[in-house]
PDB file of N, CA and C in Angstrom:
ATOM      1  N   UNK A   1      89.139   0.261 -59.007  1.00  0.00           N
ATOM      2  CA  UNK A   1      90.259  -0.017 -58.945  1.00  0.00           C
ATOM      3  C   UNK A   1      90.070   2.102 -58.596  1.00  0.00           C
ATOM      4  N   UNK A   2      90.369   2.435 -56.966  1.00  0.00           N
ATOM      5  CA  UNK A   2      90.638   4.230 -57.022  1.00  0.00           C
ATOM      6  C   UNK A   2      91.832   4.434 -56.869  1.00  0.00           C
ATOM      7  N   UNK A   3      91.674   5.118 -57.711  1.00  0.00           N
ATOM      8  CA  UNK A   3      93.218   6.354 -58.374  1.00  0.00           C
ATOM      9  C   UNK A   3      93.553   7.048 -56.908  1.00  0.00           C
ATOM     10  N   UNK A   4      94.954   6.413 -56.275  1.00  0.00           N
ATOM     11  CA  UNK A   4      95.469   8.097 -55.428  1.00  0.00           C
ATOM     12  C   UNK A   4      96.891   8.274 -56.029  1.00  0.00           C
ATOM     13  N   UNK A   5      96.995   9.222 -55.852  1.00  0.00           N
ATOM     14  CA  UNK A   5      98.394   9.918 -56.405  1.00  0.00           C
ATOM     15  C   UNK A   5      99.416   9.690 -55.847  1.00  0.00           C
ATOM     16  N   UNK A   6      99.446   8.368 -55.445  1.00  0.00           N
ATOM     17  CA  UNK A   6     100.786   7.476 -54.516  1.00  0.00           C
ATOM     18  C   UNK A   6     100.913   6.242 -56.425  1.00  0.00           C
ATOM     19  N   UNK A   7      99.046   5.915 -57.391  1.00  0.00           N
ATOM     20  CA  UNK A   7      99.464   5.384 -57.426  1.00  0.00           C
ATOM     21  C   UNK A   7      99.607   4.996 -58.892  1.00  0.00           C
ATOM     22  N   UNK A   8      99.127   6.195 -59.496  1.00  0.00           N
ATOM     23  CA  UNK A   8      99.204   7.176 -60.235  1.00  0.00           C
ATOM     24  C   UNK A   8      99.397   5.599 -61.764  1.00  0.00           C
ATOM     25  N   UNK A   9     100.816   5.891 -61.495  1.00  0.00           N
ATOM     26  CA  UNK A   9     101.525   4.881 -62.291  1.00  0.00           C
ATOM     27  C   UNK A   9     100.883   3.600 -62.481  1.00  0.00           C
ATOM     28  N   UNK A  10      99.828   3.207 -61.183  1.00  0.00           N
ATOM     29  CA  UNK A  10      98.856   2.527 -61.565  1.00  0.00           C
ATOM     30  C   UNK A  10      97.679   1.642 -62.088  1.00  0.00           C
ATOM     31  N   UNK A  11      97.337   3.058 -61.954  1.00  0.00           N
ATOM     32  CA  UNK A  11      96.463   4.061 -62.921  1.00  0.00           C
ATOM     33  C   UNK A  11      96.013   4.349 -64.352  1.00  0.00           C
ATOM     34  N   UNK A  12      94.687   4.100 -65.437  1.00  0.00           N
ATOM     35  CA  UNK A  12      94.968   4.895 -66.237  1.00  0.00           C
ATOM     36  C   UNK A  12      94.122   5.989 -66.459  1.00  0.00           C
ATOM     37  N   UNK A  13      94.469   6.508 -64.640  1.00  0.00           N
ATOM     38  CA  UNK A  13      93.898   7.830 -64.535  1.00  0.00           C
ATOM     39  C   UNK A  13      95.452   8.828 -64.223  1.00  0.00           C
ATOM     40  N   UNK A  14      95.084   9.803 -64.735  1.00  0.00           N
ATOM     41  CA  UNK A  14      96.366  10.540 -64.412  1.00  0.00           C
ATOM     42  C   UNK A  14      96.069  11.879 -65.098  1.00  0.00           C
ATOM     43  N   UNK A  15      96.020  12.369 -63.960  1.00  0.00           N
ATOM     44  CA  UNK A  15      95.571  14.104 -64.583  1.00  0.00           C
ATOM     45  C   UNK A  15      96.715  15.259 -64.458  1.00  0.00           C
ATOM     46  N   UNK A  16      96.727  15.633 -65.186  1.00  0.00           N
ATOM     47  CA  UNK A  16      97.258  16.840 -65.337  1.00  0.00           C
ATOM     48  C   UNK A  16      96.299  18.497 -66.137  1.00  0.00           C
ATOM     49  N   UNK A  17      97.338  18.959 -66.174  1.00  0.00           N
ATOM     50  CA  UNK A  17      96.110  20.629 -66.708  1.00  0.00           C
ATOM     51  C   UNK A  17      95.634  20.124 -67.762  1.00  0.00           C
ATOM     52  N   UNK A  18      96.033  19.432 -68.684  1.00  0.00           N
ATOM     53  CA  UNK A  18      94.598  19.575 -69.545  1.00  0.00           C
ATOM     54  C   UNK A  18      93.438  19.205 -69.363  1.00  0.00           C
ATOM     55  N   UNK A  19      93.553  18.106 -68.243  1.00  0.00           N
ATOM     56  CA  UNK A  19      92.418  17.104 -67.501  1.00  0.00           C
ATOM     57  C   UNK A  19      91.934  17.306 -66.430  1.00  0.00           C
ATOM     58  N   UNK A  20      92.183  18.032 -65.965  1.00  0.00           N
ATOM     59  CA  UNK A  20      91.629  18.793 -64.672  1.00  0.00           C
ATOM     60  C   UNK A  20      90.559  20.038 -64.596  1.00  0.00           C
ATOM     61  N   UNK A  21      90.003  19.948 -66.026  1.00  0.00           N
ATOM     62  CA  UNK A  21      88.791  20.458 -65.889  1.00  0.00           C
ATOM     63  C   UNK A  21      87.402  19.903 -66.673  1.00  0.00           C
ATOM     64  N   UNK A  22      88.590  18.942 -66.972  1.00  0.00           N
ATOM     65  CA  UNK A  22      87.128  17.235 -67.265  1.00  0.00           C
ATOM     66  C   UNK A  22      86.366  16.991 -65.799  1.00  0.00           C
ATOM     67  N   UNK A  23      88.294  16.672 -64.975  1.00  0.00           N
ATOM     68  CA  UNK A  23      88.275  16.035 -63.769  1.00  0.00           C
ATOM     69  C   UNK A  23      87.178  16.566 -62.750  1.00  0.00           C
ATOM     70  N   UNK A  24      87.958  17.509 -62.914  1.00  0.00           N
ATOM     71  CA  UNK A  24      86.440  19.259 -62.395  1.00  0.00           C
ATOM     72  C   UNK A  24      85.080  18.690 -62.532  1.00  0.00           C
ATOM     73  N   UNK A  25      84.776  18.573 -63.515  1.00  0.00           N
ATOM     74  CA  UNK A  25      83.330  18.450 -64.201  1.00  0.00           C
ATOM     75  C   UNK A  25      83.303  17.304 -63.851  1.00  0.00           C
ATOM     76  N   UNK A  26      83.241  16.420 -63.942  1.00  0.00           N
ATOM     77  CA  UNK A  26      83.193  14.768 -63.480  1.00  0.00           C
ATOM     78  C   UNK A  26      82.542  14.597 -61.983  1.00  0.00           C
ATOM     79  N   UNK A  27      83.532  15.301 -61.242  1.00  0.00           N
ATOM     80  CA  UNK A  27      83.724  15.053 -59.613  1.00  0.00           C
ATOM     81  C   UNK A  27      82.267  15.824 -59.174  1.00  0.00           C
ATOM     82  N   UNK A  28      81.798  17.050 -60.038  1.00  0.00           N
ATOM     83  CA  UNK A  28      81.201  17.980 -60.175  1.00  0.00           C
ATOM     84  C   UNK A  28      79.870  17.522 -60.008  1.00  0.00           C
ATOM     85  N   UNK A  29      79.267  16.913 -61.394  1.00  0.00           N
ATOM     86  CA  UNK A  29      78.506  15.873 -61.525  1.00  0.00           C
ATOM     87  C   UNK A  29      77.806  14.759 -60.588  1.00  0.00           C
ATOM     88  N   UNK A  30      79.279  13.847 -60.946  1.00  0.00           N
ATOM     89  CA  UNK A  30      79.049  12.997 -59.699  1.00  0.00           C
ATOM     90  C   UNK A  30      78.178  13.748 -58.531  1.00  0.00           C
ATOM     91  N   UNK A  31      78.355  14.867 -57.434  1.00  0.00           N
ATOM     92  CA  UNK A  31      77.998  15.700 -56.707  1.00  0.00           C
ATOM     93  C   UNK A  31      76.477  15.370 -56.477  1.00  0.00           C
ATOM     94  N   UNK A  32      76.373  16.148 -58.222  1.00  0.00           N
ATOM     95  CA  UNK A  32      75.212  16.168 -58.139  1.00  0.00           C
ATOM     96  C   UNK A  32      74.133  15.985 -58.307  1.00  0.00           C
ATOM     97  N   UNK A  33      74.597  14.431 -58.872  1.00  0.00           N
ATOM     98  CA  UNK A  33      73.521  13.247 -59.102  1.00  0.00           C
ATOM     99  C   UNK A  33      73.505  12.587 -57.358  1.00  0.00           C
ATOM    100  N   UNK A  34      74.552  12.994 -56.215  1.00  0.00           N
ATOM    101  CA  UNK A  34      74.353  12.230 -55.066  1.00  0.00           C
ATOM    102  C   UNK A  34      75.278  11.364 -54.748  1.00  0.00           C
ATOM    103  N   UNK A  35      76.160  10.866 -56.189  1.00  0.00           N
ATOM    104  CA  UNK A  35      76.740   9.833 -56.071  1.00  0.00           C
ATOM    105  C   UNK A  35      78.363   9.607 -55.125  1.00  0.00           C
ATOM    106  N   UNK A  36      78.851   9.146 -54.840  1.00  0.00           N
ATOM    107  CA  UNK A  36      79.681   8.946 -53.804  1.00  0.00           C
ATOM    108  C   UNK A  36      80.970   8.480 -54.804  1.00  0.00           C
ATOM    109  N   UNK A  37      80.860   8.188 -56.151  1.00  0.00           N
ATOM    110  CA  UNK A  37      81.842   8.060 -56.813  1.00  0.00           C
ATOM    111  C   UNK A  37      82.300   7.985 -58.093  1.00  0.00           C
ATOM    112  N   UNK A  38      82.874   7.796 -59.045  1.00  0.00           N
ATOM    113  CA  UNK A  38      82.864   8.396 -60.964  1.00  0.00           C
ATOM    114  C   UNK A  38      83.970   7.887 -61.544  1.00  0.00           C
ATOM    115  N   UNK A  39      83.343   7.196 -62.543  1.00  0.00           N
ATOM    116  CA  UNK A  39      84.085   7.110 -63.779  1.00  0.00           C
ATOM    117  C   UNK A  39      84.874   8.224 -63.832  1.00  0.00           C
ATOM    118  N   UNK A  40      86.586   8.355 -64.699  1.00  0.00           N
ATOM    119  CA  UNK A  40      87.407   9.088 -65.226  1.00  0.00           C
ATOM    120  C   UNK A  40      88.680   8.515 -65.952  1.00  0.00           C
ATOM    121  N   UNK A  41      88.463   8.054 -67.195  1.00  0.00           N
ATOM    122  CA  UNK A  41      88.938   7.395 -67.912  1.00  0.00           C
ATOM    123  C   UNK A  41      89.310   6.566 -67.550  1.00  0.00           C
ATOM    124  N   UNK A  42      88.706   5.921 -67.453  1.00  0.00           N
ATOM    125  CA  UNK A  42      88.724   4.258 -66.656  1.00  0.00           C
ATOM    126  C   UNK A  42      88.810   3.925 -65.421  1.00  0.00           C
ATOM    127  N   UNK A  43      88.215   4.710 -65.123  1.00  0.00           N
ATOM    128  CA  UNK A  43      88.841   4.366 -63.230  1.00  0.00           C
ATOM    129  C   UNK A  43      87.961   4.655 -62.506  1.00  0.00           C
ATOM    130  N   UNK A  44      87.758   4.556 -61.149  1.00  0.00           N
ATOM    131  CA  UNK A  44      86.803   4.871 -60.528  1.00  0.00           C
ATOM    132  C   UNK A  44      87.876   5.359 -59.560  1.00  0.00           C
ATOM    133  N   UNK A  45      86.987   7.060 -59.003  1.00  0.00           N
ATOM    134  CA  UNK A  45      87.134   7.497 -58.085  1.00  0.00           C
ATOM    135  C   UNK A  45      85.955   7.756 -57.755  1.00  0.00           C
ATOM    136  N   UNK A  46      87.026   7.806 -55.978  1.00  0.00           N
ATOM    137  CA  UNK A  46      86.354   8.426 -55.248  1.00  0.00           C
ATOM    138  C   UNK A  46      85.798  10.232 -55.098  1.00  0.00           C
ATOM    139  N   UNK A  47      84.754  10.552 -54.561  1.00  0.00           N
ATOM    140  CA  UNK A  47      84.073  12.263 -54.826  1.00  0.00           C
ATOM    141  C   UNK A  47      84.951  12.753 -53.458  1.00  0.00           C
ATOM    142  N   UNK A  48      85.348  12.219 -53.204  1.00  0.00           N
ATOM    143  CA  UNK A  48      85.817  12.427 -51.175  1.00  0.00           C
ATOM    144  C   UNK A  48      87.814  13.307 -51.612  1.00  0.00           C
ATOM    145  N   UNK A  49      87.369  11.981 -52.262  1.00  0.00           N
ATOM    146  CA  UNK A  49      89.638  11.453 -52.825  1.00  0.00           C
ATOM    147  C   UNK A  49      89.355  12.951 -53.889  1.00  0.00           C
ATOM    148  N   UNK A  50      89.000  12.952 -54.869  1.00  0.00           N
ATOM    149  CA  UNK A  50      88.476  13.788 -56.180  1.00  0.00           C
ATOM    150  C   UNK A  50      88.880  15.801 -56.038  1.00  0.00           C
ATOM    151  N   UNK A  51      87.911  15.621 -54.448  1.00  0.00           N
ATOM    152  CA  UNK A  51      87.935  17.074 -53.813  1.00  0.00           C
ATOM    153  C   UNK A  51      89.211  17.344 -53.365  1.00  0.00           C
ATOM    154  N   UNK A  52      89.696  16.935 -53.008  1.00  0.00           N
ATOM    155  CA  UNK A  52      90.988  16.858 -51.958  1.00  0.00           C
ATOM    156  C   UNK A  52      92.530  16.796 -53.149  1.00  0.00           C
ATOM    157  N   UNK A  53      91.778  16.542 -53.872  1.00  0.00           N
ATOM    158  CA  UNK A  53      93.190  16.690 -55.540  1.00  0.00           C
ATOM    159  C   UNK A  53      92.524  17.548 -56.110  1.00  0.00           C
ATOM    160  N   UNK A  54      91.452  17.600 -56.867  1.00  0.00           N
ATOM    161  CA  UNK A  54      91.082  19.077 -57.544  1.00  0.00           C
ATOM    162  C   UNK A  54      92.002  20.105 -56.224  1.00  0.00           C
ATOM    163  N   UNK A  55      91.714  21.062 -54.944  1.00  0.00           N
ATOM    164  CA  UNK A  55      92.372  21.464 -54.565  1.00  0.00           C
ATOM    165  C   UNK A  55      94.318  21.433 -54.428  1.00  0.00           C
ATOM    166  N   UNK A  56      94.188  20.489 -54.279  1.00  0.00           N
ATOM    167  CA  UNK A  56      95.914  20.371 -54.050  1.00  0.00           C
ATOM    168  C   UNK A  56      96.491  20.844 -55.716  1.00  0.00           C
ATOM    169  N   UNK A  57      95.588  20.473 -56.573  1.00  0.00           N
ATOM    170  CA  UNK A  57      95.820  20.447 -57.970  1.00  0.00           C
ATOM    171  C   UNK A  57      95.892  22.143 -58.473  1.00  0.00           C
ATOM    172  N   UNK A  58      94.946  22.687 -57.761  1.00  0.00           N
ATOM    173  CA  UNK A  58      95.042  23.900 -58.091  1.00  0.00           C
ATOM    174  C   UNK A  58      95.896  24.736 -57.611  1.00  0.00           C
ATOM    175  N   UNK A  59      96.254  24.399 -55.902  1.00  0.00           N
ATOM    176  CA  UNK A  59      97.374  25.598 -55.786  1.00  0.00           C
ATOM    177  C   UNK A  59      98.757  24.856 -56.051  1.00  0.00           C
ATOM    178  N   UNK A  60      98.940  23.932 -56.668  1.00  0.00           N
ATOM    179  CA  UNK A  60      99.916  23.633 -56.845  1.00  0.00           C
ATOM    180  C   UNK A  60     100.354  24.114 -58.991  1.00  0.00           C
ATOM    181  N   UNK A  61      99.574  24.567 -58.813  1.00  0.00           N
ATOM    182  CA  UNK A  61      99.556  24.967 -60.532  1.00  0.00           C
ATOM    183  C   UNK A  61      99.574  27.246 -60.443  1.00  0.00           C
TER     184      UNK A  61
END
């Protein structure tokens, strides 16, 4: 399952202030390894989606 903000209740991938840095690191690792998807808390996440999600959450903080 690819996590989307509007489907977070259906996913194991819940982002919050405590795990945002871990999510960001997982995304950066995937990019460095040339991957377009990565697993986070049991959920497969698209790198492009993750980048926009990180930007959005950092602006909301």
